[in-house]
Amino acid sequence: MSAGQELGNTSEKEAANVSTPMDVEPSFIEPDIEPLTGKPFARLIISKSHAKYYMSLPMKLAKLLPSAMVPVELIRARMSWKMTYEGEDFKNSKRLVAGWKTFVIDNRIEVGDACVLELLESSSELIKFKVQILRCKFPDKLLERISGDTMNSPIIIDD
C-alpha cells in the first residue's frame, strides 16, 4: 500500500500514484494544528496496540457511525489515507483497520501522541475524518507503569 495521497485537483487515478517518501527525514514537515470546525470529534492517546495494529474508536464517535464495514478516508494536512472501518460489534469495539498501520508509519505516530479525530462525513458508503496529531512524549518512567495494550487498561484523557 502506498503512503498518503495528496489532495487537490487531480483525477482519482492520478491521485493514486502520488505518494510521500517515508524514508527521507528532511522532507517530513509537521503540519500546523488547525482549529476544530464544530463537527463531532474525539481525542485519544495512542497506546501500544494503536501504534501497531488498529485504532479502536472512542464511543463518542462510534455511536455516530454505521454498524457495517465502510471505507474510511483520514485527512491530515493535504494528504489522505484510505482504510477500513469495522462497524460490526467486535467485542463492543468499532475500529479502523486495513490501512491504519500505514497511517501510523507515514505520520510517525508514537505511543503517547494524542490524536484528534473530527468527523467530516459519515454514511454507509464512506466515512471521512480530519486528523490532527499532538506530539506528546511521556516520561520513560511513566511509560514503564502503563500498558494501554487493551480496552481493560486504556490511557485516558480527562476532560
Protein backbone atom coordinates (compact mmCIF):
# COMPACT_ATOMS: atom_id res chain seq x y z
CA MET A 1 0.00 0.00 0.00
CA SER A 2 1.33 3.44 -0.85
CA ALA A 3 1.80 6.33 1.52
CA GLY A 4 -0.77 9.07 1.94
CA GLN A 5 -2.09 10.67 -1.19
CA GLU A 6 -2.00 14.42 -1.74
CA LEU A 7 -5.39 16.09 -2.10
CA GLY A 8 -6.04 18.51 -4.93
CA ASN A 9 -7.47 18.85 -8.40
CA THR A 10 -6.24 15.55 -9.79
CA SER A 11 -8.22 12.62 -11.02
CA GLU A 12 -8.63 9.64 -8.69
CA LYS A 13 -6.32 7.60 -10.93
CA GLU A 14 -3.62 10.28 -10.84
CA ALA A 15 -4.02 10.74 -7.07
CA ALA A 16 -3.48 7.02 -6.53
CA ASN A 17 0.04 7.41 -7.93
CA VAL A 18 1.03 10.31 -5.65
CA SER A 19 2.91 9.26 -2.54
CA THR A 20 5.07 10.73 0.16
CA PRO A 21 8.55 9.27 0.65
CA MET A 22 8.73 7.74 4.11
CA ASP A 23 12.49 7.32 4.36
CA VAL A 24 13.65 10.90 3.70
CA GLU A 25 13.74 12.62 7.08
CA PRO A 26 14.19 16.27 5.89
CA SER A 27 11.01 16.09 3.78
CA PHE A 28 8.80 15.41 6.81
CA ILE A 29 7.26 18.68 7.93
CA GLU A 30 4.87 18.63 10.86
CA PRO A 31 1.59 20.30 9.83
CA ASP A 32 0.22 23.17 11.89
CA ILE A 33 -2.58 22.48 14.36
CA GLU A 34 -5.87 23.81 13.00
CA PRO A 35 -9.00 24.92 14.86
CA LEU A 36 -11.87 22.44 15.02
CA THR A 37 -14.79 23.19 12.72
CA GLY A 38 -17.60 22.44 15.18
CA LYS A 39 -18.31 18.94 13.85
CA PRO A 40 -18.28 15.91 16.20
CA PHE A 41 -14.79 14.98 17.40
CA ALA A 42 -12.99 12.79 19.86
CA ARG A 43 -9.46 12.70 21.18
CA LEU A 44 -7.37 9.84 22.43
CA ILE A 45 -3.85 8.97 23.45
CA ILE A 46 -2.12 6.42 21.24
CA SER A 47 -1.48 3.16 23.08
CA LYS A 48 0.81 0.29 22.10
CA SER A 49 -1.99 -1.55 20.29
CA HIS A 50 -2.97 1.63 18.40
CA ALA A 51 0.60 2.10 17.24
CA LYS A 52 0.92 -1.48 15.98
CA TYR A 53 -2.39 -2.92 14.85
CA TYR A 54 -5.64 -0.95 14.75
CA MET A 55 -7.47 2.05 16.20
CA SER A 56 -10.48 1.42 18.43
CA LEU A 57 -12.70 4.45 18.06
CA PRO A 58 -13.93 6.28 21.14
CA MET A 59 -17.62 5.59 21.83
CA LYS A 60 -18.33 9.31 21.41
CA LEU A 61 -17.65 8.87 17.67
CA ALA A 62 -18.51 5.19 17.28
CA LYS A 63 -22.15 5.79 18.21
CA LEU A 64 -22.44 8.23 15.26
CA LEU A 65 -21.11 5.72 12.71
CA PRO A 66 -22.84 2.91 10.81
CA SER A 67 -22.81 -0.68 12.06
CA ALA A 68 -21.15 -2.05 8.93
CA MET A 69 -17.80 -2.32 7.19
CA VAL A 70 -17.25 1.00 5.42
CA PRO A 71 -14.32 2.59 3.55
CA VAL A 72 -12.64 5.38 5.52
CA GLU A 73 -10.58 8.34 4.46
CA LEU A 74 -8.33 10.04 7.01
CA ILE A 75 -7.24 13.55 6.07
CA ARG A 76 -4.24 15.25 7.62
CA ALA A 77 -2.90 18.49 6.18
CA ARG A 78 -3.26 18.00 2.39
CA MET A 79 -2.79 14.24 2.44
CA SER A 80 -5.29 11.40 2.70
CA TRP A 81 -5.12 7.73 3.67
CA LYS A 82 -7.66 5.05 2.84
CA MET A 83 -8.53 2.26 5.25
CA THR A 84 -11.45 0.18 6.50
CA TYR A 85 -13.87 0.83 9.36
CA GLU A 86 -15.19 -2.28 11.13
CA GLY A 87 -18.53 -1.13 12.46
CA GLU A 88 -19.91 -4.54 13.31
CA ASP A 89 -19.51 -5.05 17.02
CA PHE A 90 -16.14 -6.65 17.64
CA LYS A 91 -16.00 -7.16 21.40
CA ASN A 92 -18.05 -3.96 21.73
CA SER A 93 -15.41 -2.06 19.76
CA LYS A 94 -15.63 -0.25 16.43
CA ARG A 95 -12.27 0.28 14.84
CA LEU A 96 -10.08 1.37 11.95
CA VAL A 97 -8.12 -1.48 10.36
CA ALA A 98 -6.57 -2.34 6.95
CA GLY A 99 -4.57 0.82 6.32
CA TRP A 100 -4.31 2.17 9.86
CA LYS A 101 -0.74 0.93 10.28
CA THR A 102 0.34 2.75 7.10
CA PHE A 103 -1.13 5.97 8.52
CA VAL A 104 0.77 5.44 11.78
CA ILE A 105 4.07 4.84 9.96
CA ASP A 106 3.65 7.70 7.47
CA ASN A 107 2.87 10.16 10.25
CA ARG A 108 5.49 8.82 12.66
CA ILE A 109 2.89 8.32 15.37
CA GLU A 110 4.28 7.03 18.66
CA VAL A 111 2.84 5.74 21.91
CA GLY A 112 1.79 8.76 23.95
CA ASP A 113 0.91 11.00 21.00
CA ALA A 114 -2.65 12.34 21.01
CA CYS A 115 -4.96 12.12 18.00
CA VAL A 116 -7.95 14.37 17.46
CA LEU A 117 -10.43 12.79 15.04
CA GLU A 118 -13.04 15.18 13.63
CA LEU A 119 -15.92 13.51 11.78
CA LEU A 120 -16.37 15.26 8.43
CA GLU A 121 -18.68 12.75 6.73
CA SER A 122 -20.48 9.57 7.73
CA SER A 123 -22.59 7.31 5.53
CA SER A 124 -22.79 3.64 4.65
CA GLU A 125 -20.66 4.50 1.58
CA LEU A 126 -17.80 6.50 3.15
CA ILE A 127 -16.57 7.85 6.48
CA LYS A 128 -14.19 10.82 6.50
CA PHE A 129 -12.16 12.08 9.43
CA LYS A 130 -9.86 15.06 9.70
CA VAL A 131 -6.97 14.01 11.94
CA GLN A 132 -4.63 16.16 13.96
CA ILE A 133 -1.70 14.71 15.86
CA LEU A 134 -0.40 16.31 19.02
CA ARG A 135 3.09 15.10 19.84
CA CYS A 136 3.46 14.24 23.47
CA LYS A 137 6.43 12.46 24.92
CA PHE A 138 5.56 10.65 28.13
CA PRO A 139 8.47 10.41 30.55
CA ASP A 140 10.07 6.95 30.30
CA LYS A 141 9.27 6.25 33.97
CA LEU A 142 5.55 6.82 33.28
CA LEU A 143 5.60 4.63 30.17
CA GLU A 144 7.02 1.76 32.20
CA ARG A 145 4.00 1.86 34.54
CA ILE A 146 1.23 1.90 31.92
CA SER A 147 0.31 -0.66 29.35
CA GLY A 148 -2.51 0.74 27.20
CA ASP A 149 -2.49 -2.58 25.36
CA THR A 150 -6.16 -3.42 25.81
CA MET A 151 -9.54 -1.85 26.43
CA ASN A 152 -9.16 -3.01 30.06
CA SER A 153 -6.05 -0.89 30.55
CA PRO A 154 -6.58 2.27 28.47
CA ILE A 155 -4.72 5.54 28.63
CA ILE A 156 -7.44 8.07 29.47
CA ILE A 157 -7.55 11.80 28.81
CA ASP A 158 -9.64 13.64 31.40
CA ASP A 159 -11.84 16.49 30.19
